[in-house]
Amino acid sequence: MPSAPKVYSHRTLILCEGPEDVAFFRALKSQRNLPHVHIDHTGEERWSAGGNGKFGKKLSSLKMNRTFRSIIDRVLIFTDSDEDQTAAFENVRAQLEAIGYPCPAAPFTTALGQKRVCVATIPFQGPGNLECFLWEAAASQRMDIAAHVDHFADQVAIGDDWTPPKKGKLKSRALFAARWPRDPCLNIAPMLKDALAQTVIPVTHNSFNQIADFVTAFANAD
């Protein structure tokens, strides 16, 4: 049986790649008292896989949602920078152009049209991904463990295949596993919903100030 259409009641939609990104932004929203925004990812269902190639498909499907058409007037897209920040942005921009959406000229700028649209990359500067972005805050909680993880990554993540974003993901996931003995294989999304997650990934850490301020400014822009 198909699920009922989502009802949108706030003006801003944050659209990101997958469930783990959604969990991070929901934790950030809760702990930082961000403006009222909707947060969703590109997968068809709540826990289904998303990806950076599905933003256009997701936004096209939302055109059929009555409250999305009438209530949402600004869309903030977050995509991993991966190996190349510029290429990641252009990938999303091409998808927006293909479905007739406003296309920002550069990351972190806003295109005006029927809806305001902005594409932001994670992290804000350079290559990387969500896990790389979480590393500084998580490492600050247990610098002793983080130092061991750093050494481990230096010993095993060797060769051209281990690009900085991939190595960053290895380090972050190893650190999360070391800090979460109840289930070291648990992914980030369920972990961030747990109250104890703040002892592992504190979203109040100052490394997240820039992204919290950016979301607030976009949602509150006139």
N, C-alpha and C. Protein backbone atom coordinates (compact mmCIF):
# COMPACT_ATOMS: atom_id res chain seq x y z
N MET A 1 0.84 -1.20 0.00
CA MET A 1 0.00 0.00 0.00
C MET A 1 0.88 1.25 0.00
N PRO A 2 0.70 2.17 -0.95
CA PRO A 2 1.55 3.35 -1.00
C PRO A 2 1.32 4.24 0.21
N SER A 3 2.40 4.91 0.65
CA SER A 3 2.29 5.78 1.82
C SER A 3 1.59 7.07 1.43
N ALA A 4 0.99 7.71 2.42
CA ALA A 4 0.28 8.96 2.17
C ALA A 4 1.28 10.06 1.81
N PRO A 5 0.88 11.00 0.97
CA PRO A 5 1.78 12.09 0.60
C PRO A 5 2.22 12.87 1.84
N LYS A 6 3.47 13.29 1.87
CA LYS A 6 3.97 14.08 2.98
C LYS A 6 3.31 15.45 2.97
N VAL A 7 3.01 15.94 4.16
CA VAL A 7 2.41 17.26 4.29
C VAL A 7 3.49 18.25 4.72
N TYR A 8 3.68 19.29 3.94
CA TYR A 8 4.68 20.32 4.23
C TYR A 8 3.98 21.54 4.82
N SER A 9 4.54 22.03 5.93
CA SER A 9 3.94 23.18 6.59
C SER A 9 4.92 24.32 6.81
N HIS A 10 6.20 24.10 6.52
CA HIS A 10 7.21 25.15 6.64
C HIS A 10 7.72 25.54 5.26
N ARG A 11 8.32 26.70 5.16
CA ARG A 11 8.68 27.25 3.85
C ARG A 11 9.94 26.63 3.26
N THR A 12 10.80 26.07 4.11
CA THR A 12 12.12 25.63 3.65
C THR A 12 12.25 24.12 3.68
N LEU A 13 12.83 23.57 2.61
CA LEU A 13 13.17 22.15 2.56
C LEU A 13 14.67 22.01 2.42
N ILE A 14 15.28 21.26 3.34
CA ILE A 14 16.66 20.82 3.18
C ILE A 14 16.62 19.45 2.53
N LEU A 15 17.26 19.32 1.39
CA LEU A 15 17.28 18.05 0.67
C LEU A 15 18.72 17.57 0.59
N CYS A 16 18.98 16.38 1.13
CA CYS A 16 20.34 15.85 1.14
C CYS A 16 20.36 14.44 0.56
N GLU A 17 21.52 13.80 0.61
CA GLU A 17 21.70 12.56 -0.15
C GLU A 17 21.01 11.34 0.47
N GLY A 18 21.16 11.13 1.77
CA GLY A 18 20.66 9.89 2.34
C GLY A 18 20.23 10.02 3.79
N PRO A 19 19.78 8.91 4.40
CA PRO A 19 19.27 8.92 5.78
C PRO A 19 20.28 9.42 6.80
N GLU A 20 21.57 9.16 6.60
CA GLU A 20 22.56 9.61 7.57
C GLU A 20 22.67 11.13 7.57
N ASP A 21 22.59 11.74 6.40
CA ASP A 21 22.59 13.20 6.32
C ASP A 21 21.35 13.76 7.03
N VAL A 22 20.20 13.14 6.80
CA VAL A 22 18.97 13.59 7.44
C VAL A 22 19.12 13.54 8.96
N ALA A 23 19.68 12.45 9.47
CA ALA A 23 19.87 12.32 10.91
C ALA A 23 20.76 13.42 11.46
N PHE A 24 21.83 13.74 10.73
CA PHE A 24 22.71 14.82 11.17
C PHE A 24 21.97 16.14 11.22
N PHE A 25 21.26 16.49 10.15
CA PHE A 25 20.59 17.78 10.12
C PHE A 25 19.45 17.86 11.15
N ARG A 26 18.80 16.76 11.40
CA ARG A 26 17.77 16.79 12.44
C ARG A 26 18.38 16.98 13.82
N ALA A 27 19.52 16.35 14.07
CA ALA A 27 20.21 16.56 15.34
C ALA A 27 20.68 18.01 15.45
N LEU A 28 21.21 18.53 14.34
CA LEU A 28 21.67 19.93 14.33
C LEU A 28 20.50 20.88 14.59
N LYS A 29 19.39 20.62 13.95
CA LYS A 29 18.21 21.46 14.13
C LYS A 29 17.74 21.44 15.58
N SER A 30 17.72 20.27 16.18
CA SER A 30 17.24 20.13 17.55
C SER A 30 18.18 20.78 18.55
N GLN A 31 19.47 20.52 18.41
CA GLN A 31 20.44 21.00 19.40
C GLN A 31 20.81 22.47 19.20
N ARG A 32 20.65 22.98 18.00
CA ARG A 32 21.03 24.37 17.70
C ARG A 32 19.82 25.30 17.59
N ASN A 33 18.62 24.78 17.79
CA ASN A 33 17.41 25.59 17.68
C ASN A 33 17.34 26.32 16.34
N LEU A 34 17.56 25.57 15.27
CA LEU A 34 17.49 26.15 13.94
C LEU A 34 16.04 26.49 13.59
N PRO A 35 15.83 27.32 12.57
CA PRO A 35 14.45 27.63 12.15
C PRO A 35 13.69 26.37 11.75
N HIS A 36 12.37 26.49 11.70
CA HIS A 36 11.54 25.37 11.28
C HIS A 36 11.81 25.07 9.80
N VAL A 37 12.30 23.89 9.53
CA VAL A 37 12.57 23.45 8.16
C VAL A 37 12.17 21.99 8.04
N HIS A 38 11.87 21.58 6.83
CA HIS A 38 11.69 20.16 6.55
C HIS A 38 13.02 19.60 6.07
N ILE A 39 13.30 18.36 6.42
CA ILE A 39 14.56 17.72 6.06
C ILE A 39 14.25 16.38 5.40
N ASP A 40 14.74 16.18 4.21
CA ASP A 40 14.45 14.94 3.48
C ASP A 40 15.69 14.55 2.67
N HIS A 41 15.65 13.32 2.14
CA HIS A 41 16.76 12.87 1.30
C HIS A 41 16.22 12.34 -0.01
N THR A 42 17.12 11.91 -0.89
CA THR A 42 16.72 11.60 -2.26
C THR A 42 16.16 10.19 -2.44
N GLY A 43 16.20 9.36 -1.40
CA GLY A 43 15.63 8.02 -1.49
C GLY A 43 14.11 8.07 -1.55
N GLU A 44 13.52 7.01 -2.08
CA GLU A 44 12.07 6.98 -2.24
C GLU A 44 11.36 6.75 -0.91
N GLU A 45 11.98 6.01 -0.01
CA GLU A 45 11.40 5.75 1.30
C GLU A 45 12.35 6.27 2.37
N ARG A 46 11.86 6.27 3.62
CA ARG A 46 12.61 6.88 4.72
C ARG A 46 14.02 6.32 4.86
N TRP A 47 14.14 4.98 4.78
CA TRP A 47 15.44 4.36 5.00
C TRP A 47 16.07 3.82 3.73
N SER A 48 15.50 4.15 2.58
CA SER A 48 16.07 3.65 1.33
C SER A 48 17.29 4.46 0.93
N ALA A 49 18.14 3.85 0.13
CA ALA A 49 19.36 4.52 -0.30
C ALA A 49 19.04 5.71 -1.18
N GLY A 50 19.76 6.78 -0.96
CA GLY A 50 19.61 7.95 -1.81
C GLY A 50 20.82 8.06 -2.73
N GLY A 51 21.38 9.23 -2.83
CA GLY A 51 22.57 9.41 -3.65
C GLY A 51 22.59 10.76 -4.31
N ASN A 52 23.76 11.16 -4.79
CA ASN A 52 23.88 12.49 -5.38
C ASN A 52 23.41 12.56 -6.82
N GLY A 53 22.98 11.43 -7.36
CA GLY A 53 22.44 11.44 -8.71
C GLY A 53 20.92 11.45 -8.76
N LYS A 54 20.28 11.64 -7.60
CA LYS A 54 18.82 11.51 -7.53
C LYS A 54 18.10 12.79 -7.11
N PHE A 55 18.82 13.91 -7.06
CA PHE A 55 18.17 15.15 -6.64
C PHE A 55 17.10 15.57 -7.64
N GLY A 56 17.41 15.49 -8.92
CA GLY A 56 16.43 15.88 -9.93
C GLY A 56 15.19 15.01 -9.89
N LYS A 57 15.38 13.70 -9.77
CA LYS A 57 14.24 12.78 -9.70
C LYS A 57 13.38 13.07 -8.49
N LYS A 58 14.02 13.33 -7.35
CA LYS A 58 13.26 13.61 -6.13
C LYS A 58 12.44 14.89 -6.27
N LEU A 59 13.06 15.94 -6.77
CA LEU A 59 12.34 17.21 -6.91
C LEU A 59 11.23 17.10 -7.94
N SER A 60 11.44 16.32 -8.99
CA SER A 60 10.38 16.11 -9.98
C SER A 60 9.17 15.42 -9.35
N SER A 61 9.45 14.42 -8.51
CA SER A 61 8.35 13.71 -7.86
C SER A 61 7.60 14.61 -6.89
N LEU A 62 8.31 15.56 -6.28
CA LEU A 62 7.66 16.45 -5.32
C LEU A 62 6.72 17.46 -6.00
N LYS A 63 6.87 17.64 -7.30
CA LYS A 63 5.96 18.54 -8.01
C LYS A 63 4.51 18.05 -7.93
N MET A 64 4.34 16.76 -7.65
CA MET A 64 3.00 16.19 -7.55
C MET A 64 2.40 16.40 -6.16
N ASN A 65 3.21 16.89 -5.22
CA ASN A 65 2.74 17.08 -3.85
C ASN A 65 2.14 18.49 -3.70
N ARG A 66 0.88 18.54 -3.34
CA ARG A 66 0.17 19.83 -3.29
C ARG A 66 0.80 20.79 -2.29
N THR A 67 1.13 20.29 -1.09
CA THR A 67 1.68 21.21 -0.09
C THR A 67 3.12 21.62 -0.42
N PHE A 68 3.86 20.77 -1.12
CA PHE A 68 5.19 21.18 -1.57
C PHE A 68 5.06 22.34 -2.55
N ARG A 69 4.14 22.23 -3.48
CA ARG A 69 3.96 23.28 -4.47
C ARG A 69 3.52 24.60 -3.83
N SER A 70 2.65 24.52 -2.85
CA SER A 70 2.04 25.74 -2.32
C SER A 70 2.76 26.33 -1.11
N ILE A 71 3.48 25.50 -0.34
CA ILE A 71 4.08 25.98 0.92
C ILE A 71 5.59 26.18 0.78
N ILE A 72 6.28 25.20 0.22
CA ILE A 72 7.75 25.29 0.12
C ILE A 72 8.11 26.34 -0.93
N ASP A 73 8.88 27.35 -0.52
CA ASP A 73 9.32 28.35 -1.50
C ASP A 73 10.84 28.48 -1.55
N ARG A 74 11.55 27.61 -0.81
CA ARG A 74 13.01 27.62 -0.86
C ARG A 74 13.54 26.21 -0.60
N VAL A 75 14.51 25.81 -1.41
CA VAL A 75 15.09 24.47 -1.33
C VAL A 75 16.59 24.60 -1.18
N LEU A 76 17.12 24.01 -0.11
CA LEU A 76 18.56 24.03 0.16
C LEU A 76 19.08 22.61 -0.01
N ILE A 77 19.89 22.38 -1.03
CA ILE A 77 20.42 21.06 -1.34
C ILE A 77 21.82 20.92 -0.77
N PHE A 78 22.05 19.82 -0.06
CA PHE A 78 23.39 19.51 0.44
C PHE A 78 23.89 18.24 -0.24
N THR A 79 25.06 18.31 -0.83
CA THR A 79 25.67 17.15 -1.48
C THR A 79 27.10 17.01 -1.01
N ASP A 80 27.58 15.78 -0.90
CA ASP A 80 28.99 15.57 -0.56
C ASP A 80 29.88 16.13 -1.66
N SER A 81 30.99 16.74 -1.26
CA SER A 81 31.97 17.21 -2.26
C SER A 81 32.68 16.04 -2.92
N ASP A 82 32.83 14.92 -2.19
CA ASP A 82 33.56 13.75 -2.67
C ASP A 82 34.96 14.16 -3.12
N GLU A 83 35.40 13.70 -4.28
CA GLU A 83 36.77 13.95 -4.71
C GLU A 83 36.97 15.37 -5.28
N ASP A 84 35.88 15.98 -5.74
CA ASP A 84 36.00 17.26 -6.45
C ASP A 84 34.77 18.10 -6.15
N GLN A 85 34.95 19.17 -5.38
CA GLN A 85 33.83 20.01 -4.98
C GLN A 85 33.12 20.63 -6.18
N THR A 86 33.89 21.10 -7.15
CA THR A 86 33.28 21.73 -8.33
C THR A 86 32.47 20.72 -9.12
N ALA A 87 33.01 19.52 -9.31
CA ALA A 87 32.28 18.48 -10.06
C ALA A 87 31.01 18.08 -9.33
N ALA A 88 31.06 18.01 -7.99
CA ALA A 88 29.87 17.65 -7.22
C ALA A 88 28.78 18.69 -7.41
N PHE A 89 29.16 19.96 -7.37
CA PHE A 89 28.18 21.03 -7.59
C PHE A 89 27.60 20.96 -9.00
N GLU A 90 28.46 20.80 -10.00
CA GLU A 90 27.98 20.77 -11.38
C GLU A 90 27.06 19.58 -11.63
N ASN A 91 27.30 18.48 -10.95
CA ASN A 91 26.43 17.32 -11.06
C ASN A 91 25.01 17.67 -10.63
N VAL A 92 24.88 18.36 -9.51
CA VAL A 92 23.55 18.74 -9.02
C VAL A 92 22.96 19.83 -9.92
N ARG A 93 23.78 20.77 -10.33
CA ARG A 93 23.28 21.86 -11.17
C ARG A 93 22.70 21.32 -12.48
N ALA A 94 23.34 20.31 -13.07
CA ALA A 94 22.84 19.72 -14.31
C ALA A 94 21.48 19.06 -14.08
N GLN A 95 21.30 18.45 -12.93
CA GLN A 95 20.01 17.83 -12.61
C GLN A 95 18.91 18.88 -12.47
N LEU A 96 19.24 20.01 -11.84
CA LEU A 96 18.26 21.09 -11.70
C LEU A 96 17.87 21.65 -13.06
N GLU A 97 18.85 21.85 -13.90
CA GLU A 97 18.60 22.38 -15.24
C GLU A 97 17.71 21.44 -16.04
N ALA A 98 17.92 20.14 -15.88
CA ALA A 98 17.16 19.15 -16.65
C ALA A 98 15.68 19.14 -16.29
N ILE A 99 15.35 19.55 -15.07
CA ILE A 99 13.94 19.55 -14.66
C ILE A 99 13.35 20.96 -14.63
N GLY A 100 14.09 21.93 -15.14
CA GLY A 100 13.57 23.28 -15.22
C GLY A 100 13.57 24.05 -13.92
N TYR A 101 14.47 23.69 -13.00
CA TYR A 101 14.57 24.38 -11.73
C TYR A 101 15.56 25.54 -11.84
N PRO A 102 15.42 26.55 -10.97
CA PRO A 102 16.44 27.60 -10.91
C PRO A 102 17.81 27.00 -10.62
N CYS A 103 18.83 27.47 -11.32
CA CYS A 103 20.17 26.89 -11.20
C CYS A 103 21.15 27.92 -10.64
N PRO A 104 21.63 27.72 -9.43
CA PRO A 104 22.64 28.64 -8.88
C PRO A 104 23.89 28.65 -9.74
N ALA A 105 24.58 29.78 -9.77
CA ALA A 105 25.79 29.91 -10.58
C ALA A 105 26.99 29.27 -9.92
N ALA A 106 26.95 29.15 -8.59
CA ALA A 106 28.07 28.60 -7.84
C ALA A 106 27.56 28.04 -6.52
N PRO A 107 28.35 27.19 -5.87
CA PRO A 107 27.92 26.68 -4.56
C PRO A 107 27.66 27.84 -3.58
N PHE A 108 26.67 27.66 -2.73
CA PHE A 108 26.35 28.59 -1.66
C PHE A 108 25.72 29.89 -2.14
N THR A 109 25.41 29.99 -3.43
CA THR A 109 24.67 31.13 -3.94
C THR A 109 23.23 30.70 -4.20
N THR A 110 22.34 31.66 -4.27
CA THR A 110 20.91 31.36 -4.40
C THR A 110 20.40 31.76 -5.78
N ALA A 111 19.69 30.86 -6.42
CA ALA A 111 19.02 31.15 -7.68
C ALA A 111 17.56 31.46 -7.37
N LEU A 112 17.05 32.51 -7.95
CA LEU A 112 15.68 32.93 -7.70
C LEU A 112 14.77 32.50 -8.84
N GLY A 113 13.58 32.11 -8.50
CA GLY A 113 12.59 31.68 -9.47
C GLY A 113 11.31 31.40 -8.72
N GLN A 114 10.54 30.43 -9.19
CA GLN A 114 9.34 30.05 -8.46
C GLN A 114 9.69 29.64 -7.04
N LYS A 115 10.88 29.03 -6.89
CA LYS A 115 11.42 28.71 -5.57
C LYS A 115 12.87 29.21 -5.52
N ARG A 116 13.31 29.59 -4.32
CA ARG A 116 14.72 29.90 -4.11
C ARG A 116 15.46 28.57 -4.02
N VAL A 117 16.56 28.46 -4.72
CA VAL A 117 17.32 27.20 -4.72
C VAL A 117 18.80 27.51 -4.46
N CYS A 118 19.39 26.73 -3.55
CA CYS A 118 20.80 26.85 -3.26
C CYS A 118 21.39 25.45 -3.16
N VAL A 119 22.62 25.29 -3.65
CA VAL A 119 23.34 24.02 -3.56
C VAL A 119 24.58 24.25 -2.70
N ALA A 120 24.68 23.50 -1.61
CA ALA A 120 25.84 23.59 -0.72
C ALA A 120 26.56 22.25 -0.70
N THR A 121 27.87 22.31 -0.56
CA THR A 121 28.66 21.09 -0.53
C THR A 121 29.17 20.81 0.87
N ILE A 122 29.29 19.54 1.19
CA ILE A 122 29.83 19.10 2.48
C ILE A 122 31.14 18.36 2.23
N PRO A 123 32.23 18.84 2.88
CA PRO A 123 32.34 20.04 3.71
C PRO A 123 32.29 21.31 2.87
N PHE A 124 32.29 22.46 3.51
CA PHE A 124 32.16 23.71 2.78
C PHE A 124 33.36 23.99 1.89
N GLN A 125 34.55 23.59 2.33
CA GLN A 125 35.76 23.83 1.55
C GLN A 125 36.44 22.50 1.21
N GLY A 126 36.77 22.34 -0.07
CA GLY A 126 37.56 21.20 -0.49
C GLY A 126 36.80 19.90 -0.58
N PRO A 127 37.52 18.80 -0.91
CA PRO A 127 36.90 17.49 -1.06
C PRO A 127 36.48 16.92 0.28
N GLY A 128 35.61 15.91 0.24
CA GLY A 128 35.19 15.26 1.48
C GLY A 128 33.75 14.79 1.42
N ASN A 129 33.23 14.43 2.57
CA ASN A 129 31.88 13.87 2.68
C ASN A 129 31.38 14.10 4.10
N LEU A 130 30.20 13.58 4.39
CA LEU A 130 29.61 13.80 5.72
C LEU A 130 30.53 13.28 6.81
N GLU A 131 31.09 12.08 6.61
CA GLU A 131 31.95 11.49 7.64
C GLU A 131 33.18 12.37 7.91
N CYS A 132 33.78 12.89 6.85
CA CYS A 132 34.91 13.81 7.02
C CYS A 132 34.48 15.04 7.81
N PHE A 133 33.30 15.52 7.52
CA PHE A 133 32.78 16.72 8.17
C PHE A 133 32.57 16.49 9.67
N LEU A 134 32.20 15.26 10.05
CA LEU A 134 31.93 14.95 11.45
C LEU A 134 33.20 14.67 12.25
N TRP A 135 34.32 14.45 11.55
CA TRP A 135 35.53 13.99 12.22
C TRP A 135 36.01 14.93 13.32
N GLU A 136 36.12 16.22 13.04
CA GLU A 136 36.70 17.15 14.02
C GLU A 136 35.92 17.15 15.32
N ALA A 137 34.60 17.20 15.22
CA ALA A 137 33.78 17.22 16.44
C ALA A 137 33.91 15.90 17.19
N ALA A 138 33.85 14.79 16.46
CA ALA A 138 33.93 13.48 17.11
C ALA A 138 35.31 13.26 17.73
N ALA A 139 36.37 13.67 17.02
CA ALA A 139 37.72 13.49 17.54
C ALA A 139 37.95 14.31 18.79
N SER A 140 37.30 15.47 18.90
CA SER A 140 37.50 16.34 20.05
C SER A 140 37.01 15.71 21.35
N GLN A 141 36.09 14.76 21.26
CA GLN A 141 35.53 14.13 22.45
C GLN A 141 36.49 13.12 23.07
N ARG A 142 37.26 12.43 22.23
CA ARG A 142 38.25 11.47 22.72
C ARG A 142 39.49 11.55 21.83
N MET A 143 40.32 12.52 22.12
CA MET A 143 41.49 12.74 21.28
C MET A 143 42.48 11.59 21.37
N ASP A 144 42.46 10.86 22.49
CA ASP A 144 43.36 9.71 22.63
C ASP A 144 42.98 8.61 21.64
N ILE A 145 41.68 8.31 21.56
CA ILE A 145 41.22 7.30 20.61
C ILE A 145 41.42 7.79 19.17
N ALA A 146 41.13 9.07 18.94
CA ALA A 146 41.28 9.63 17.60
C ALA A 146 42.73 9.52 17.12
N ALA A 147 43.68 9.69 18.02
CA ALA A 147 45.09 9.58 17.65
C ALA A 147 45.43 8.16 17.20
N HIS A 148 44.87 7.16 17.89
CA HIS A 148 45.09 5.77 17.49
C HIS A 148 44.45 5.49 16.13
N VAL A 149 43.25 6.04 15.92
CA VAL A 149 42.56 5.85 14.64
C VAL A 149 43.36 6.50 13.52
N ASP A 150 43.89 7.69 13.78
CA ASP A 150 44.73 8.37 12.79
C ASP A 150 45.91 7.49 12.38
N HIS A 151 46.56 6.91 13.39
CA HIS A 151 47.72 6.05 13.12
C HIS A 151 47.30 4.82 12.33
N PHE A 152 46.18 4.22 12.72
CA PHE A 152 45.65 3.05 12.02
C PHE A 152 45.40 3.37 10.54
N ALA A 153 44.75 4.50 10.29
CA ALA A 153 44.44 4.88 8.91
C ALA A 153 45.72 5.11 8.10
N ASP A 154 46.72 5.72 8.73
CA ASP A 154 47.98 5.95 8.02
C ASP A 154 48.66 4.64 7.63
N GLN A 155 48.45 3.60 8.45
CA GLN A 155 49.11 2.32 8.19
C GLN A 155 48.39 1.48 7.14
N VAL A 156 47.07 1.58 7.08
CA VAL A 156 46.31 0.68 6.19
C VAL A 156 45.77 1.37 4.94
N ALA A 157 45.49 2.67 5.01
CA ALA A 157 44.90 3.37 3.87
C ALA A 157 46.02 3.94 3.00
N ILE A 158 46.67 3.05 2.27
CA ILE A 158 47.81 3.45 1.44
C ILE A 158 47.51 3.13 -0.02
N GLY A 159 48.12 3.86 -0.89
CA GLY A 159 47.90 3.65 -2.32
C GLY A 159 46.98 4.70 -2.90
N ASP A 160 46.97 4.80 -4.21
CA ASP A 160 46.21 5.84 -4.90
C ASP A 160 44.70 5.70 -4.71
N ASP A 161 44.22 4.47 -4.44
CA ASP A 161 42.78 4.29 -4.27
C ASP A 161 42.26 4.99 -3.02
N TRP A 162 43.14 5.22 -2.05
CA TRP A 162 42.72 5.85 -0.80
C TRP A 162 42.84 7.37 -0.92
N THR A 163 41.85 7.95 -1.59
CA THR A 163 41.79 9.41 -1.70
C THR A 163 41.45 10.01 -0.34
N PRO A 164 41.71 11.29 -0.12
CA PRO A 164 41.40 11.90 1.18
C PRO A 164 39.95 11.70 1.63
N PRO A 165 38.93 11.84 0.75
CA PRO A 165 37.57 11.59 1.23
C PRO A 165 37.35 10.14 1.69
N LYS A 166 37.93 9.18 0.98
CA LYS A 166 37.77 7.78 1.38
C LYS A 166 38.50 7.51 2.69
N LYS A 167 39.68 8.08 2.83
CA LYS A 167 40.42 7.91 4.08
C LYS A 167 39.68 8.58 5.23
N GLY A 168 39.08 9.73 4.98
CA GLY A 168 38.31 10.41 6.01
C GLY A 168 37.12 9.58 6.46
N LYS A 169 36.46 8.93 5.51
CA LYS A 169 35.33 8.07 5.86
C LYS A 169 35.80 6.88 6.70
N LEU A 170 36.94 6.28 6.33
CA LEU A 170 37.49 5.18 7.11
C LEU A 170 37.77 5.62 8.54
N LYS A 171 38.41 6.76 8.70
CA LYS A 171 38.77 7.25 10.03
C LYS A 171 37.53 7.51 10.88
N SER A 172 36.56 8.19 10.30
CA SER A 172 35.36 8.54 11.06
C SER A 172 34.60 7.30 11.50
N ARG A 173 34.42 6.36 10.57
CA ARG A 173 33.66 5.17 10.92
C ARG A 173 34.40 4.31 11.94
N ALA A 174 35.73 4.27 11.86
CA ALA A 174 36.51 3.54 12.86
C ALA A 174 36.36 4.19 14.23
N LEU A 175 36.37 5.52 14.25
CA LEU A 175 36.21 6.23 15.52
C LEU A 175 34.82 6.03 16.10
N PHE A 176 33.79 6.11 15.25
CA PHE A 176 32.43 5.89 15.74
C PHE A 176 32.27 4.49 16.30
N ALA A 177 32.84 3.49 15.61
CA ALA A 177 32.75 2.10 16.08
C ALA A 177 33.44 1.93 17.42
N ALA A 178 34.60 2.57 17.58
CA ALA A 178 35.33 2.46 18.83
C ALA A 178 34.59 3.12 19.99
N ARG A 179 33.76 4.11 19.69
CA ARG A 179 33.04 4.83 20.72
C ARG A 179 31.64 4.27 20.98
N TRP A 180 31.23 3.27 20.19
CA TRP A 180 29.85 2.77 20.28
C TRP A 180 29.86 1.25 20.47
N PRO A 181 30.33 0.76 21.63
CA PRO A 181 30.49 -0.68 21.83
C PRO A 181 29.18 -1.47 21.83
N ARG A 182 28.07 -0.81 22.07
CA ARG A 182 26.80 -1.55 22.06
C ARG A 182 26.50 -2.12 20.68
N ASP A 183 27.01 -1.47 19.63
CA ASP A 183 26.83 -1.98 18.26
C ASP A 183 27.82 -1.27 17.36
N PRO A 184 29.07 -1.74 17.27
CA PRO A 184 30.09 -1.06 16.47
C PRO A 184 29.76 -0.96 14.99
N CYS A 185 28.84 -1.80 14.51
CA CYS A 185 28.50 -1.78 13.08
C CYS A 185 27.35 -0.83 12.77
N LEU A 186 26.77 -0.22 13.80
CA LEU A 186 25.62 0.64 13.59
C LEU A 186 26.00 1.84 12.73
N ASN A 187 25.12 2.19 11.78
CA ASN A 187 25.45 3.36 10.96
C ASN A 187 25.08 4.65 11.69
N ILE A 188 25.43 5.76 11.09
CA ILE A 188 25.32 7.04 11.77
C ILE A 188 23.88 7.42 12.08
N ALA A 189 22.95 7.11 11.17
CA ALA A 189 21.59 7.61 11.32
C ALA A 189 20.92 7.17 12.62
N PRO A 190 20.83 5.85 12.93
CA PRO A 190 20.22 5.47 14.19
C PRO A 190 21.02 5.96 15.40
N MET A 191 22.33 6.02 15.26
CA MET A 191 23.16 6.46 16.38
C MET A 191 22.87 7.90 16.75
N LEU A 192 22.69 8.76 15.75
CA LEU A 192 22.44 10.17 16.03
C LEU A 192 21.08 10.41 16.68
N LYS A 193 20.18 9.46 16.57
CA LYS A 193 18.88 9.60 17.21
C LYS A 193 18.94 9.26 18.69
N ASP A 194 20.03 8.63 19.12
CA ASP A 194 20.21 8.23 20.52
C ASP A 194 20.74 9.41 21.32
N ALA A 195 20.22 9.58 22.54
CA ALA A 195 20.66 10.70 23.38
C ALA A 195 22.16 10.64 23.66
N LEU A 196 22.73 9.43 23.71
CA LEU A 196 24.15 9.29 23.98
C LEU A 196 25.02 9.73 22.81
N ALA A 197 24.40 9.93 21.64
CA ALA A 197 25.19 10.31 20.47
C ALA A 197 25.94 11.62 20.69
N GLN A 198 25.42 12.48 21.55
CA GLN A 198 26.08 13.75 21.81
C GLN A 198 27.45 13.56 22.46
N THR A 199 27.66 12.40 23.06
CA THR A 199 28.98 12.13 23.62
C THR A 199 29.94 11.62 22.55
N VAL A 200 29.43 11.27 21.39
CA VAL A 200 30.25 10.77 20.28
C VAL A 200 30.39 11.83 19.18
N ILE A 201 29.27 12.39 18.75
CA ILE A 201 29.26 13.42 17.71
C ILE A 201 28.50 14.63 18.25
N PRO A 202 29.16 15.53 18.96
CA PRO A 202 28.47 16.68 19.54
C PRO A 202 28.14 17.74 18.49
N VAL A 203 26.88 17.84 18.11
CA VAL A 203 26.53 18.81 17.07
C VAL A 203 26.57 20.24 17.60
N THR A 204 26.82 20.41 18.90
CA THR A 204 27.03 21.74 19.45
C THR A 204 28.48 22.20 19.28
N HIS A 205 29.34 21.35 18.74
CA HIS A 205 30.76 21.70 18.55
C HIS A 205 30.89 22.88 17.60
N ASN A 206 31.89 23.72 17.85
CA ASN A 206 32.04 24.94 17.05
C ASN A 206 32.39 24.67 15.59
N SER A 207 32.80 23.45 15.24
CA SER A 207 33.07 23.13 13.83
C SER A 207 31.79 23.15 13.00
N PHE A 208 30.64 23.11 13.66
CA PHE A 208 29.36 23.13 12.95
C PHE A 208 28.72 24.51 12.95
N ASN A 209 29.40 25.51 13.49
CA ASN A 209 28.82 26.86 13.55
C ASN A 209 28.50 27.40 12.17
N GLN A 210 29.42 27.21 11.24
CA GLN A 210 29.24 27.77 9.90
C GLN A 210 28.02 27.19 9.20
N ILE A 211 27.84 25.88 9.30
CA ILE A 211 26.71 25.26 8.61
C ILE A 211 25.40 25.63 9.29
N ALA A 212 25.40 25.74 10.62
CA ALA A 212 24.19 26.14 11.34
C ALA A 212 23.81 27.57 10.96
N ASP A 213 24.79 28.45 10.89
CA ASP A 213 24.52 29.84 10.52
C ASP A 213 24.03 29.93 9.07
N PHE A 214 24.58 29.10 8.19
CA PHE A 214 24.19 29.14 6.79
C PHE A 214 22.73 28.70 6.63
N VAL A 215 22.36 27.61 7.29
CA VAL A 215 20.98 27.13 7.22
C VAL A 215 20.02 28.19 7.75
N THR A 216 20.37 28.81 8.87
CA THR A 216 19.52 29.83 9.47
C THR A 216 19.35 31.02 8.53
N ALA A 217 20.45 31.48 7.93
CA ALA A 217 20.37 32.63 7.03
C ALA A 217 19.52 32.32 5.81
N PHE A 218 19.67 31.12 5.25
CA PHE A 218 18.90 30.75 4.06
C PHE A 218 17.41 30.66 4.40
N ALA A 219 17.08 30.03 5.51
CA ALA A 219 15.67 29.86 5.88
C ALA A 219 15.00 31.18 6.23
N ASN A 220 15.77 32.13 6.73
CA ASN A 220 15.19 33.40 7.18
C ASN A 220 15.32 34.52 6.16
N ALA A 221 15.93 34.24 5.02
CA ALA A 221 16.15 35.30 4.02
C ALA A 221 14.81 35.85 3.52
N ASP A 222 14.77 37.15 3.30
CA ASP A 222 13.55 37.81 2.78
C ASP A 222 13.38 37.53 1.30
